[in-house]
Amino acid sequence: MLEFLPQEIRDGLMAAQKRDQKRRSRLRVHVGDEVIPVLRMWENGLALDADSTINLRGLIDIYDGANHISQCLVIASTTEDGELICDFKRCSHVAQKAALDFVQDETAPVGYLSKN
């Protein structure tokens, strides 16, 4: 249906849609000092705005607001329809607490009562 509209109106609609996606998304990519909003994210990749982004490769950090949620290794990035599509080699989720280096007994008491 958009093919019947003039090119200027199609460009304006695409820009408005991209601006709305940036505003709605809480996900951000941190690369050095640069912070880039994420348009879409899936299991092994993400999409960024191609106009405001350099060609990404290497280690990136992904934040949801102020929470660090994952660290990913980008191996390839291509530009499609005004979006920079980044593919991950690995994506490690960040734990909120340190990993245990021992096995916890499931039947262990939760707390101890004093003798008084």
PDB file of N, CA and C in Angstrom:
ATOM      1  N   MET A   1       0.814  -1.188   0.000  1.00  0.00           N
ATOM      2  CA  MET A   1       0.000   0.000   0.000  1.00  0.00           C
ATOM      3  C   MET A   1       0.861   1.257   0.000  1.00  0.00           C
ATOM      4  N   LEU A   2       2.044   1.158   0.572  1.00  0.00           N
ATOM      5  CA  LEU A   2       2.927   2.321   0.607  1.00  0.00           C
ATOM      6  C   LEU A   2       3.476   2.677  -0.770  1.00  0.00           C
ATOM      7  N   GLU A   3       3.473   1.732  -1.693  1.00  0.00           N
ATOM      8  CA  GLU A   3       4.053   2.010  -3.015  1.00  0.00           C
ATOM      9  C   GLU A   3       3.247   3.038  -3.799  1.00  0.00           C
ATOM     10  N   PHE A   4       2.002   3.316  -3.402  1.00  0.00           N
ATOM     11  CA  PHE A   4       1.186   4.308  -4.085  1.00  0.00           C
ATOM     12  C   PHE A   4       1.431   5.729  -3.565  1.00  0.00           C
ATOM     13  N   LEU A   5       2.132   5.847  -2.440  1.00  0.00           N
ATOM     14  CA  LEU A   5       2.411   7.157  -1.854  1.00  0.00           C
ATOM     15  C   LEU A   5       3.651   7.769  -2.493  1.00  0.00           C
ATOM     16  N   PRO A   6       3.741   9.095  -2.495  1.00  0.00           N
ATOM     17  CA  PRO A   6       4.965   9.746  -2.992  1.00  0.00           C
ATOM     18  C   PRO A   6       6.171   9.385  -2.115  1.00  0.00           C
ATOM     19  N   GLN A   7       7.361   9.458  -2.695  1.00  0.00           N
ATOM     20  CA  GLN A   7       8.591   9.059  -2.005  1.00  0.00           C
ATOM     21  C   GLN A   7       8.827   9.871  -0.733  1.00  0.00           C
ATOM     22  N   GLU A   8       8.500  11.175  -0.746  1.00  0.00           N
ATOM     23  CA  GLU A   8       8.728  12.015   0.437  1.00  0.00           C
ATOM     24  C   GLU A   8       7.879  11.541   1.610  1.00  0.00           C
ATOM     25  N   ILE A   9       6.649  11.133   1.336  1.00  0.00           N
ATOM     26  CA  ILE A   9       5.760  10.675   2.413  1.00  0.00           C
ATOM     27  C   ILE A   9       6.247   9.323   2.945  1.00  0.00           C
ATOM     28  N   ARG A  10       6.693   8.430   2.053  1.00  0.00           N
ATOM     29  CA  ARG A  10       7.231   7.137   2.492  1.00  0.00           C
ATOM     30  C   ARG A  10       8.462   7.330   3.370  1.00  0.00           C
ATOM     31  N   ASP A  11       9.341   8.250   2.965  1.00  0.00           N
ATOM     32  CA  ASP A  11      10.538   8.528   3.772  1.00  0.00           C
ATOM     33  C   ASP A  11      10.159   9.085   5.137  1.00  0.00           C
ATOM     34  N   GLY A  12       9.166   9.982   5.172  1.00  0.00           N
ATOM     35  CA  GLY A  12       8.711  10.549   6.438  1.00  0.00           C
ATOM     36  C   GLY A  12       8.106   9.494   7.348  1.00  0.00           C
ATOM     37  N   LEU A  13       7.327   8.572   6.789  1.00  0.00           N
ATOM     38  CA  LEU A  13       6.735   7.491   7.582  1.00  0.00           C
ATOM     39  C   LEU A  13       7.803   6.558   8.141  1.00  0.00           C
ATOM     40  N   MET A  14       8.802   6.233   7.330  1.00  0.00           N
ATOM     41  CA  MET A  14       9.889   5.363   7.798  1.00  0.00           C
ATOM     42  C   MET A  14      10.697   6.040   8.906  1.00  0.00           C
ATOM     43  N   ALA A  15      10.958   7.342   8.765  1.00  0.00           N
ATOM     44  CA  ALA A  15      11.699   8.076   9.804  1.00  0.00           C
ATOM     45  C   ALA A  15      10.899   8.132  11.096  1.00  0.00           C
ATOM     46  N   ALA A  16       9.586   8.344  11.003  1.00  0.00           N
ATOM     47  CA  ALA A  16       8.743   8.386  12.201  1.00  0.00           C
ATOM     48  C   ALA A  16       8.691   7.028  12.878  1.00  0.00           C
ATOM     49  N   GLN A  17       8.626   5.953  12.094  1.00  0.00           N
ATOM     50  CA  GLN A  17       8.605   4.611  12.661  1.00  0.00           C
ATOM     51  C   GLN A  17       9.922   4.300  13.371  1.00  0.00           C
ATOM     52  N   LYS A  18      11.044   4.676  12.780  1.00  0.00           N
ATOM     53  CA  LYS A  18      12.352   4.444  13.384  1.00  0.00           C
ATOM     54  C   LYS A  18      12.506   5.249  14.677  1.00  0.00           C
ATOM     55  N   ARG A  19      12.039   6.506  14.668  1.00  0.00           N
ATOM     56  CA  ARG A  19      12.104   7.351  15.861  1.00  0.00           C
ATOM     57  C   ARG A  19      11.256   6.758  16.990  1.00  0.00           C
ATOM     58  N   ASP A  20      10.080   6.208  16.641  1.00  0.00           N
ATOM     59  CA  ASP A  20       9.209   5.601  17.637  1.00  0.00           C
ATOM     60  C   ASP A  20       9.846   4.345  18.228  1.00  0.00           C
ATOM     61  N   GLN A  21      10.529   3.542  17.410  1.00  0.00           N
ATOM     62  CA  GLN A  21      11.202   2.344  17.908  1.00  0.00           C
ATOM     63  C   GLN A  21      12.324   2.710  18.869  1.00  0.00           C
ATOM     64  N   LYS A  22      13.081   3.747  18.565  1.00  0.00           N
ATOM     65  CA  LYS A  22      14.164   4.187  19.441  1.00  0.00           C
ATOM     66  C   LYS A  22      13.620   4.647  20.785  1.00  0.00           C
ATOM     67  N   ARG A  23      12.534   5.394  20.762  1.00  0.00           N
ATOM     68  CA  ARG A  23      11.965   5.948  21.977  1.00  0.00           C
ATOM     69  C   ARG A  23      11.372   4.847  22.858  1.00  0.00           C
ATOM     70  N   ARG A  24      10.759   3.839  22.232  1.00  0.00           N
ATOM     71  CA  ARG A  24      10.075   2.784  22.961  1.00  0.00           C
ATOM     72  C   ARG A  24      11.039   1.785  23.589  1.00  0.00           C
ATOM     73  N   SER A  25      12.180   1.558  22.983  1.00  0.00           N
ATOM     74  CA  SER A  25      13.111   0.533  23.438  1.00  0.00           C
ATOM     75  C   SER A  25      13.936   1.023  24.619  1.00  0.00           C
ATOM     76  N   ARG A  26      14.036   0.184  25.654  1.00  0.00           N
ATOM     77  CA  ARG A  26      14.886   0.499  26.802  1.00  0.00           C
ATOM     78  C   ARG A  26      16.287  -0.072  26.621  1.00  0.00           C
ATOM     79  N   LEU A  27      16.445  -0.974  25.659  1.00  0.00           N
ATOM     80  CA  LEU A  27      17.741  -1.619  25.447  1.00  0.00           C
ATOM     81  C   LEU A  27      18.717  -0.658  24.794  1.00  0.00           C
ATOM     82  N   ARG A  28      19.949  -0.671  25.279  1.00  0.00           N
ATOM     83  CA  ARG A  28      21.012   0.183  24.759  1.00  0.00           C
ATOM     84  C   ARG A  28      22.282  -0.638  24.616  1.00  0.00           C
ATOM     85  N   VAL A  29      23.081  -0.313  23.601  1.00  0.00           N
ATOM     86  CA  VAL A  29      24.386  -0.926  23.402  1.00  0.00           C
ATOM     87  C   VAL A  29      25.432   0.085  23.836  1.00  0.00           C
ATOM     88  N   HIS A  30      26.380  -0.358  24.670  1.00  0.00           N
ATOM     89  CA  HIS A  30      27.483   0.498  25.108  1.00  0.00           C
ATOM     90  C   HIS A  30      28.761  -0.023  24.454  1.00  0.00           C
ATOM     91  N   VAL A  31      29.369   0.837  23.642  1.00  0.00           N
ATOM     92  CA  VAL A  31      30.644   0.528  22.996  1.00  0.00           C
ATOM     93  C   VAL A  31      31.571   1.680  23.328  1.00  0.00           C
ATOM     94  N   GLY A  32      32.492   1.429  24.246  1.00  0.00           N
ATOM     95  CA  GLY A  32      33.369   2.515  24.692  1.00  0.00           C
ATOM     96  C   GLY A  32      32.539   3.604  25.360  1.00  0.00           C
ATOM     97  N   ASP A  33      32.621   4.842  24.853  1.00  0.00           N
ATOM     98  CA  ASP A  33      31.838   5.949  25.397  1.00  0.00           C
ATOM     99  C   ASP A  33      30.535   6.160  24.642  1.00  0.00           C
ATOM    100  N   GLU A  34      30.307   5.408  23.581  1.00  0.00           N
ATOM    101  CA  GLU A  34      29.127   5.582  22.738  1.00  0.00           C
ATOM    102  C   GLU A  34      27.967   4.728  23.253  1.00  0.00           C
ATOM    103  N   VAL A  35      26.758   5.314  23.304  1.00  0.00           N
ATOM    104  CA  VAL A  35      25.541   4.610  23.715  1.00  0.00           C
ATOM    105  C   VAL A  35      24.566   4.650  22.539  1.00  0.00           C
ATOM    106  N   ILE A  36      24.122   3.469  22.086  1.00  0.00           N
ATOM    107  CA  ILE A  36      23.287   3.351  20.894  1.00  0.00           C
ATOM    108  C   ILE A  36      22.001   2.622  21.256  1.00  0.00           C
ATOM    109  N   PRO A  37      20.822   3.164  20.930  1.00  0.00           N
ATOM    110  CA  PRO A  37      19.569   2.454  21.215  1.00  0.00           C
ATOM    111  C   PRO A  37      19.382   1.252  20.286  1.00  0.00           C
ATOM    112  N   VAL A  38      18.820   0.181  20.826  1.00  0.00           N
ATOM    113  CA  VAL A  38      18.559  -1.048  20.080  1.00  0.00           C
ATOM    114  C   VAL A  38      17.138  -0.981  19.525  1.00  0.00           C
ATOM    115  N   LEU A  39      16.991  -1.214  18.224  1.00  0.00           N
ATOM    116  CA  LEU A  39      15.665  -1.223  17.612  1.00  0.00           C
ATOM    117  C   LEU A  39      14.970  -2.561  17.838  1.00  0.00           C
ATOM    118  N   ARG A  40      15.675  -3.658  17.560  1.00  0.00           N
ATOM    119  CA  ARG A  40      15.141  -5.007  17.753  1.00  0.00           C
ATOM    120  C   ARG A  40      16.269  -5.910  18.220  1.00  0.00           C
ATOM    121  N   MET A  41      15.888  -6.976  18.963  1.00  0.00           N
ATOM    122  CA  MET A  41      16.885  -7.948  19.410  1.00  0.00           C
ATOM    123  C   MET A  41      16.274  -9.340  19.338  1.00  0.00           C
ATOM    124  N   TRP A  42      17.070 -10.321  18.899  1.00  0.00           N
ATOM    125  CA  TRP A  42      16.641 -11.708  18.855  1.00  0.00           C
ATOM    126  C   TRP A  42      17.756 -12.567  19.410  1.00  0.00           C
ATOM    127  N   GLU A  43      17.607 -13.877  19.350  1.00  0.00           N
ATOM    128  CA  GLU A  43      18.507 -14.804  20.030  1.00  0.00           C
ATOM    129  C   GLU A  43      19.971 -14.639  19.643  1.00  0.00           C
ATOM    130  N   ASN A  44      20.270 -14.484  18.360  1.00  0.00           N
ATOM    131  CA  ASN A  44      21.678 -14.410  17.948  1.00  0.00           C
ATOM    132  C   ASN A  44      21.991 -13.138  17.166  1.00  0.00           C
ATOM    133  N   GLY A  45      21.331 -12.034  17.510  1.00  0.00           N
ATOM    134  CA  GLY A  45      21.629 -10.777  16.845  1.00  0.00           C
ATOM    135  C   GLY A  45      20.750  -9.643  17.317  1.00  0.00           C
ATOM    136  N   LEU A  46      21.003  -8.465  16.749  1.00  0.00           N
ATOM    137  CA  LEU A  46      20.204  -7.291  17.071  1.00  0.00           C
ATOM    138  C   LEU A  46      20.251  -6.318  15.908  1.00  0.00           C
ATOM    139  N   ALA A  47      19.338  -5.344  15.927  1.00  0.00           N
ATOM    140  CA  ALA A  47      19.270  -4.323  14.883  1.00  0.00           C
ATOM    141  C   ALA A  47      19.424  -2.947  15.524  1.00  0.00           C
ATOM    142  N   LEU A  48      20.288  -2.135  14.940  1.00  0.00           N
ATOM    143  CA  LEU A  48      20.528  -0.764  15.387  1.00  0.00           C
ATOM    144  C   LEU A  48      20.221   0.181  14.238  1.00  0.00           C
ATOM    145  N   ASP A  49      20.099   1.465  14.552  1.00  0.00           N
ATOM    146  CA  ASP A  49      19.890   2.467  13.521  1.00  0.00           C
ATOM    147  C   ASP A  49      21.193   2.658  12.742  1.00  0.00           C
ATOM    148  N   ALA A  50      21.131   2.487  11.425  1.00  0.00           N
ATOM    149  CA  ALA A  50      22.340   2.561  10.598  1.00  0.00           C
ATOM    150  C   ALA A  50      22.874   3.986  10.485  1.00  0.00           C
ATOM    151  N   ASP A  51      22.010   4.997  10.634  1.00  0.00           N
ATOM    152  CA  ASP A  51      22.450   6.387  10.485  1.00  0.00           C
ATOM    153  C   ASP A  51      23.321   6.851  11.647  1.00  0.00           C
ATOM    154  N   SER A  52      23.053   6.360  12.844  1.00  0.00           N
ATOM    155  CA  SER A  52      23.775   6.848  14.017  1.00  0.00           C
ATOM    156  C   SER A  52      24.820   5.864  14.523  1.00  0.00           C
ATOM    157  N   THR A  53      25.211   4.898  13.705  1.00  0.00           N
ATOM    158  CA  THR A  53      26.084   3.841  14.187  1.00  0.00           C
ATOM    159  C   THR A  53      27.250   3.611  13.235  1.00  0.00           C
ATOM    160  N   ILE A  54      28.376   3.295  13.829  1.00  0.00           N
ATOM    161  CA  ILE A  54      29.521   2.859  13.049  1.00  0.00           C
ATOM    162  C   ILE A  54      29.376   1.361  12.775  1.00  0.00           C
ATOM    163  N   ASN A  55      30.213   0.798  11.938  1.00  0.00           N
ATOM    164  CA  ASN A  55      30.186  -0.628  11.671  1.00  0.00           C
ATOM    165  C   ASN A  55      30.748  -1.363  12.880  1.00  0.00           C
ATOM    166  N   LEU A  56      29.910  -2.130  13.593  1.00  0.00           N
ATOM    167  CA  LEU A  56      30.309  -2.767  14.847  1.00  0.00           C
ATOM    168  C   LEU A  56      30.977  -4.112  14.609  1.00  0.00           C
ATOM    169  N   ARG A  57      32.041  -4.369  15.343  1.00  0.00           N
ATOM    170  CA  ARG A  57      32.690  -5.668  15.462  1.00  0.00           C
ATOM    171  C   ARG A  57      33.349  -5.695  16.815  1.00  0.00           C
ATOM    172  N   GLY A  58      33.344  -6.854  17.438  1.00  0.00           N
ATOM    173  CA  GLY A  58      34.014  -7.001  18.721  1.00  0.00           C
ATOM    174  C   GLY A  58      33.045  -7.097  19.877  1.00  0.00           C
ATOM    175  N   LEU A  59      33.546  -6.817  21.062  1.00  0.00           N
ATOM    176  CA  LEU A  59      32.799  -6.988  22.303  1.00  0.00           C
ATOM    177  C   LEU A  59      31.921  -5.775  22.588  1.00  0.00           C
ATOM    178  N   ILE A  60      30.632  -6.020  22.857  1.00  0.00           N
ATOM    179  CA  ILE A  60      29.699  -4.944  23.207  1.00  0.00           C
ATOM    180  C   ILE A  60      28.953  -5.323  24.481  1.00  0.00           C
ATOM    181  N   ASP A  61      28.483  -4.319  25.204  1.00  0.00           N
ATOM    182  CA  ASP A  61      27.678  -4.524  26.401  1.00  0.00           C
ATOM    183  C   ASP A  61      26.264  -4.053  26.115  1.00  0.00           C
ATOM    184  N   ILE A  62      25.264  -4.838  26.544  1.00  0.00           N
ATOM    185  CA  ILE A  62      23.866  -4.492  26.335  1.00  0.00           C
ATOM    186  C   ILE A  62      23.231  -4.219  27.691  1.00  0.00           C
ATOM    187  N   TYR A  63      22.561  -3.061  27.782  1.00  0.00           N
ATOM    188  CA  TYR A  63      21.926  -2.624  29.017  1.00  0.00           C
ATOM    189  C   TYR A  63      20.426  -2.484  28.808  1.00  0.00           C
ATOM    190  N   ASP A  64      19.658  -2.816  29.838  1.00  0.00           N
ATOM    191  CA  ASP A  64      18.224  -2.556  29.873  1.00  0.00           C
ATOM    192  C   ASP A  64      18.035  -1.461  30.908  1.00  0.00           C
ATOM    193  N   GLY A  65      17.938  -0.226  30.452  1.00  0.00           N
ATOM    194  CA  GLY A  65      17.929   0.900  31.381  1.00  0.00           C
ATOM    195  C   GLY A  65      19.306   1.015  32.014  1.00  0.00           C
ATOM    196  N   ALA A  66      19.372   0.832  33.342  1.00  0.00           N
ATOM    197  CA  ALA A  66      20.648   0.892  34.043  1.00  0.00           C
ATOM    198  C   ALA A  66      21.200  -0.493  34.352  1.00  0.00           C
ATOM    199  N   ASN A  67      20.452  -1.556  34.037  1.00  0.00           N
ATOM    200  CA  ASN A  67      20.875  -2.918  34.351  1.00  0.00           C
ATOM    201  C   ASN A  67      21.675  -3.520  33.200  1.00  0.00           C
ATOM    202  N   HIS A  68      22.870  -3.994  33.521  1.00  0.00           N
ATOM    203  CA  HIS A  68      23.726  -4.666  32.549  1.00  0.00           C
ATOM    204  C   HIS A  68      23.183  -6.080  32.381  1.00  0.00           C
ATOM    205  N   ILE A  69      22.652  -6.412  31.180  1.00  0.00           N
ATOM    206  CA  ILE A  69      22.014  -7.718  31.015  1.00  0.00           C
ATOM    207  C   ILE A  69      22.860  -8.721  30.257  1.00  0.00           C
ATOM    208  N   SER A  70      23.713  -8.273  29.332  1.00  0.00           N
ATOM    209  CA  SER A  70      24.535  -9.250  28.604  1.00  0.00           C
ATOM    210  C   SER A  70      25.755  -8.596  27.972  1.00  0.00           C
ATOM    211  N   GLN A  71      26.698  -9.466  27.643  1.00  0.00           N
ATOM    212  CA  GLN A  71      27.918  -9.052  26.955  1.00  0.00           C
ATOM    213  C   GLN A  71      28.027  -9.949  25.734  1.00  0.00           C
ATOM    214  N   CYS A  72      28.151  -9.349  24.550  1.00  0.00           N
ATOM    215  CA  CYS A  72      28.084 -10.107  23.301  1.00  0.00           C
ATOM    216  C   CYS A  72      29.307  -9.823  22.433  1.00  0.00           C
ATOM    217  N   LEU A  73      29.658 -10.827  21.641  1.00  0.00           N
ATOM    218  CA  LEU A  73      30.745 -10.705  20.683  1.00  0.00           C
ATOM    219  C   LEU A  73      30.135 -10.643  19.289  1.00  0.00           C
ATOM    220  N   VAL A  74      30.246  -9.475  18.646  1.00  0.00           N
ATOM    221  CA  VAL A  74      29.681  -9.260  17.316  1.00  0.00           C
ATOM    222  C   VAL A  74      30.711  -9.680  16.285  1.00  0.00           C
ATOM    223  N   ILE A  75      30.310 -10.589  15.379  1.00  0.00           N
ATOM    224  CA  ILE A  75      31.245 -11.063  14.348  1.00  0.00           C
ATOM    225  C   ILE A  75      30.949 -10.479  12.982  1.00  0.00           C
ATOM    226  N   ALA A  76      29.708 -10.068  12.736  1.00  0.00           N
ATOM    227  CA  ALA A  76      29.363  -9.530  11.425  1.00  0.00           C
ATOM    228  C   ALA A  76      28.254  -8.506  11.573  1.00  0.00           C
ATOM    229  N   SER A  77      28.310  -7.472  10.749  1.00  0.00           N
ATOM    230  CA  SER A  77      27.240  -6.485  10.727  1.00  0.00           C
ATOM    231  C   SER A  77      27.027  -6.033   9.286  1.00  0.00           C
ATOM    232  N   THR A  78      25.759  -5.998   8.899  1.00  0.00           N
ATOM    233  CA  THR A  78      25.380  -5.579   7.557  1.00  0.00           C
ATOM    234  C   THR A  78      24.288  -4.533   7.652  1.00  0.00           C
ATOM    235  N   THR A  79      24.125  -3.736   6.611  1.00  0.00           N
ATOM    236  CA  THR A  79      23.095  -2.707   6.577  1.00  0.00           C
ATOM    237  C   THR A  79      21.962  -3.161   5.662  1.00  0.00           C
ATOM    238  N   GLU A  80      20.737  -3.145   6.204  1.00  0.00           N
ATOM    239  CA  GLU A  80      19.541  -3.507   5.446  1.00  0.00           C
ATOM    240  C   GLU A  80      18.410  -2.563   5.823  1.00  0.00           C
ATOM    241  N   ASP A  81      17.829  -1.881   4.847  1.00  0.00           N
ATOM    242  CA  ASP A  81      16.665  -1.003   5.038  1.00  0.00           C
ATOM    243  C   ASP A  81      16.874   0.020   6.156  1.00  0.00           C
ATOM    244  N   GLY A  82      18.043   0.616   6.211  1.00  0.00           N
ATOM    245  CA  GLY A  82      18.317   1.649   7.206  1.00  0.00           C
ATOM    246  C   GLY A  82      18.629   1.115   8.587  1.00  0.00           C
ATOM    247  N   GLU A  83      18.791  -0.205   8.720  1.00  0.00           N
ATOM    248  CA  GLU A  83      19.137  -0.814  10.002  1.00  0.00           C
ATOM    249  C   GLU A  83      20.487  -1.505   9.888  1.00  0.00           C
ATOM    250  N   LEU A  84      21.255  -1.447  10.951  1.00  0.00           N
ATOM    251  CA  LEU A  84      22.520  -2.167  11.036  1.00  0.00           C
ATOM    252  C   LEU A  84      22.230  -3.485  11.744  1.00  0.00           C
ATOM    253  N   ILE A  85      22.321  -4.593  11.018  1.00  0.00           N
ATOM    254  CA  ILE A  85      22.027  -5.919  11.555  1.00  0.00           C
ATOM    255  C   ILE A  85      23.334  -6.526  12.050  1.00  0.00           C
ATOM    256  N   CYS A  86      23.418  -6.828  13.348  1.00  0.00           N
ATOM    257  CA  CYS A  86      24.621  -7.389  13.964  1.00  0.00           C
ATOM    258  C   CYS A  86      24.361  -8.838  14.356  1.00  0.00           C
ATOM    259  N   ASP A  87      25.274  -9.734  14.001  1.00  0.00           N
ATOM    260  CA  ASP A  87      25.192 -11.146  14.354  1.00  0.00           C
ATOM    261  C   ASP A  87      26.179 -11.436  15.473  1.00  0.00           C
ATOM    262  N   PHE A  88      25.751 -12.265  16.455  1.00  0.00           N
ATOM    263  CA  PHE A  88      26.587 -12.612  17.600  1.00  0.00           C
ATOM    264  C   PHE A  88      27.295 -13.936  17.369  1.00  0.00           C
ATOM    265  N   LYS A  89      28.538 -14.004  17.838  1.00  0.00           N
ATOM    266  CA  LYS A  89      29.223 -15.289  17.924  1.00  0.00           C
ATOM    267  C   LYS A  89      28.872 -15.922  19.262  1.00  0.00           C
ATOM    268  N   ARG A  90      28.834 -15.083  20.296  1.00  0.00           N
ATOM    269  CA  ARG A  90      28.403 -15.542  21.613  1.00  0.00           C
ATOM    270  C   ARG A  90      27.701 -14.398  22.324  1.00  0.00           C
ATOM    271  N   CYS A  91      26.810 -14.751  23.212  1.00  0.00           N
ATOM    272  CA  CYS A  91      26.101 -13.763  24.022  1.00  0.00           C
ATOM    273  C   CYS A  91      26.000 -14.323  25.431  1.00  0.00           C
ATOM    274  N   SER A  92      26.713 -13.724  26.371  1.00  0.00           N
ATOM    275  CA  SER A  92      26.749 -14.193  27.753  1.00  0.00           C
ATOM    276  C   SER A  92      25.883 -13.290  28.613  1.00  0.00           C
ATOM    277  N   HIS A  93      24.924 -13.889  29.296  1.00  0.00           N
ATOM    278  CA  HIS A  93      24.071 -13.121  30.190  1.00  0.00           C
ATOM    279  C   HIS A  93      24.833 -12.838  31.478  1.00  0.00           C
ATOM    280  N   VAL A  94      24.656 -11.648  32.008  1.00  0.00           N
ATOM    281  CA  VAL A  94      25.358 -11.216  33.207  1.00  0.00           C
ATOM    282  C   VAL A  94      24.563 -11.660  34.425  1.00  0.00           C
ATOM    283  N   ALA A  95      25.216 -12.349  35.358  1.00  0.00           N
ATOM    284  CA  ALA A  95      24.567 -12.814  36.581  1.00  0.00           C
ATOM    285  C   ALA A  95      24.470 -11.659  37.580  1.00  0.00           C
ATOM    286  N   GLN A  96      23.412 -11.664  38.370  1.00  0.00           N
ATOM    287  CA  GLN A  96      23.211 -10.615  39.362  1.00  0.00           C
ATOM    288  C   GLN A  96      23.956 -10.897  40.664  1.00  0.00           C
ATOM    289  N   LYS A  97      24.390 -12.167  40.863  1.00  0.00           N
ATOM    290  CA  LYS A  97      25.179 -12.502  42.054  1.00  0.00           C
ATOM    291  C   LYS A  97      26.321 -13.410  41.638  1.00  0.00           C
ATOM    292  N   ALA A  98      27.310 -13.521  42.467  1.00  0.00           N
ATOM    293  CA  ALA A  98      28.494 -14.317  42.152  1.00  0.00           C
ATOM    294  C   ALA A  98      28.153 -15.802  42.123  1.00  0.00           C
ATOM    295  N   ALA A  99      28.853 -16.532  41.292  1.00  0.00           N
ATOM    296  CA  ALA A  99      28.657 -17.978  41.205  1.00  0.00           C
ATOM    297  C   ALA A  99      29.219 -18.655  42.447  1.00  0.00           C
ATOM    298  N   LEU A 100      28.539 -19.713  42.891  1.00  0.00           N
ATOM    299  CA  LEU A 100      29.020 -20.472  44.047  1.00  0.00           C
ATOM    300  C   LEU A 100      30.115 -21.429  43.613  1.00  0.00           C
ATOM    301  N   ASP A 101      31.124 -21.605  44.457  1.00  0.00           N
ATOM    302  CA  ASP A 101      32.192 -22.544  44.138  1.00  0.00           C
ATOM    303  C   ASP A 101      32.082 -23.800  44.982  1.00  0.00           C
ATOM    304  N   PHE A 102      30.876 -24.070  45.510  1.00  0.00           N
ATOM    305  CA  PHE A 102      30.621 -25.273  46.284  1.00  0.00           C
ATOM    306  C   PHE A 102      29.172 -25.690  46.063  1.00  0.00           C
ATOM    307  N   VAL A 103      28.884 -26.936  46.407  1.00  0.00           N
ATOM    308  CA  VAL A 103      27.527 -27.455  46.262  1.00  0.00           C
ATOM    309  C   VAL A 103      26.760 -27.139  47.532  1.00  0.00           C
ATOM    310  N   GLN A 104      25.589 -26.517  47.365  1.00  0.00           N
ATOM    311  CA  GLN A 104      24.761 -26.204  48.522  1.00  0.00           C
ATOM    312  C   GLN A 104      23.819 -27.364  48.799  1.00  0.00           C
ATOM    313  N   ASP A 105      23.759 -27.783  50.057  1.00  0.00           N
ATOM    314  CA  ASP A 105      22.863 -28.853  50.450  1.00  0.00           C
ATOM    315  C   ASP A 105      21.436 -28.316  50.485  1.00  0.00           C
ATOM    316  N   GLU A 106      20.530 -28.987  49.784  1.00  0.00           N
ATOM    317  CA  GLU A 106      19.139 -28.518  49.722  1.00  0.00           C
ATOM    318  C   GLU A 106      18.421 -28.694  51.047  1.00  0.00           C
ATOM    319  N   THR A 107      18.885 -29.627  51.920  1.00  0.00           N
ATOM    320  CA  THR A 107      18.215 -29.866  53.199  1.00  0.00           C
ATOM    321  C   THR A 107      18.885 -29.091  54.335  1.00  0.00           C
ATOM    322  N   ALA A 108      19.839 -28.240  54.027  1.00  0.00           N
ATOM    323  CA  ALA A 108      20.530 -27.473  55.071  1.00  0.00           C
ATOM    324  C   ALA A 108      19.549 -26.470  55.685  1.00  0.00           C
ATOM    325  N   PRO A 109      19.710 -26.173  56.976  1.00  0.00           N
ATOM    326  CA  PRO A 109      18.806 -25.201  57.609  1.00  0.00           C
ATOM    327  C   PRO A 109      19.004 -23.798  57.013  1.00  0.00           C
ATOM    328  N   VAL A 110      17.931 -23.051  56.978  1.00  0.00           N
ATOM    329  CA  VAL A 110      17.968 -21.711  56.430  1.00  0.00           C
ATOM    330  C   VAL A 110      18.635 -20.754  57.413  1.00  0.00           C
ATOM    331  N   GLY A 111      18.383 -20.964  58.709  1.00  0.00           N
ATOM    332  CA  GLY A 111      18.982 -20.131  59.742  1.00  0.00           C
ATOM    333  C   GLY A 111      19.144 -20.933  61.016  1.00  0.00           C
ATOM    334  N   TYR A 112      19.874 -20.406  61.977  1.00  0.00           N
ATOM    335  CA  TYR A 112      20.098 -21.079  63.243  1.00  0.00           C
ATOM    336  C   TYR A 112      19.432 -20.287  64.353  1.00  0.00           C
ATOM    337  N   LEU A 113      18.858 -21.008  65.331  1.00  0.00           N
ATOM    338  CA  LEU A 113      18.249 -20.379  66.511  1.00  0.00           C
ATOM    339  C   LEU A 113      19.271 -20.339  67.624  1.00  0.00           C
ATOM    340  N   SER A 114      19.246 -19.260  68.392  1.00  0.00           N
ATOM    341  CA  SER A 114      20.168 -19.159  69.520  1.00  0.00           C
ATOM    342  C   SER A 114      19.667 -20.014  70.666  1.00  0.00           C
ATOM    343  N   LYS A 115      20.538 -20.315  71.658  1.00  0.00           N
ATOM    344  CA  LYS A 115      20.187 -21.173  72.794  1.00  0.00           C
ATOM    345  C   LYS A 115      19.420 -20.408  73.870  1.00  0.00           C
ATOM    346  N   ASN A 116      19.321 -19.120  73.790  1.00  0.00           N
ATOM    347  CA  ASN A 116      18.650 -18.341  74.842  1.00  0.00           C
ATOM    348  C   ASN A 116      17.171 -18.489  74.788  1.00  0.00           C
TER     349      ASN A 116
END
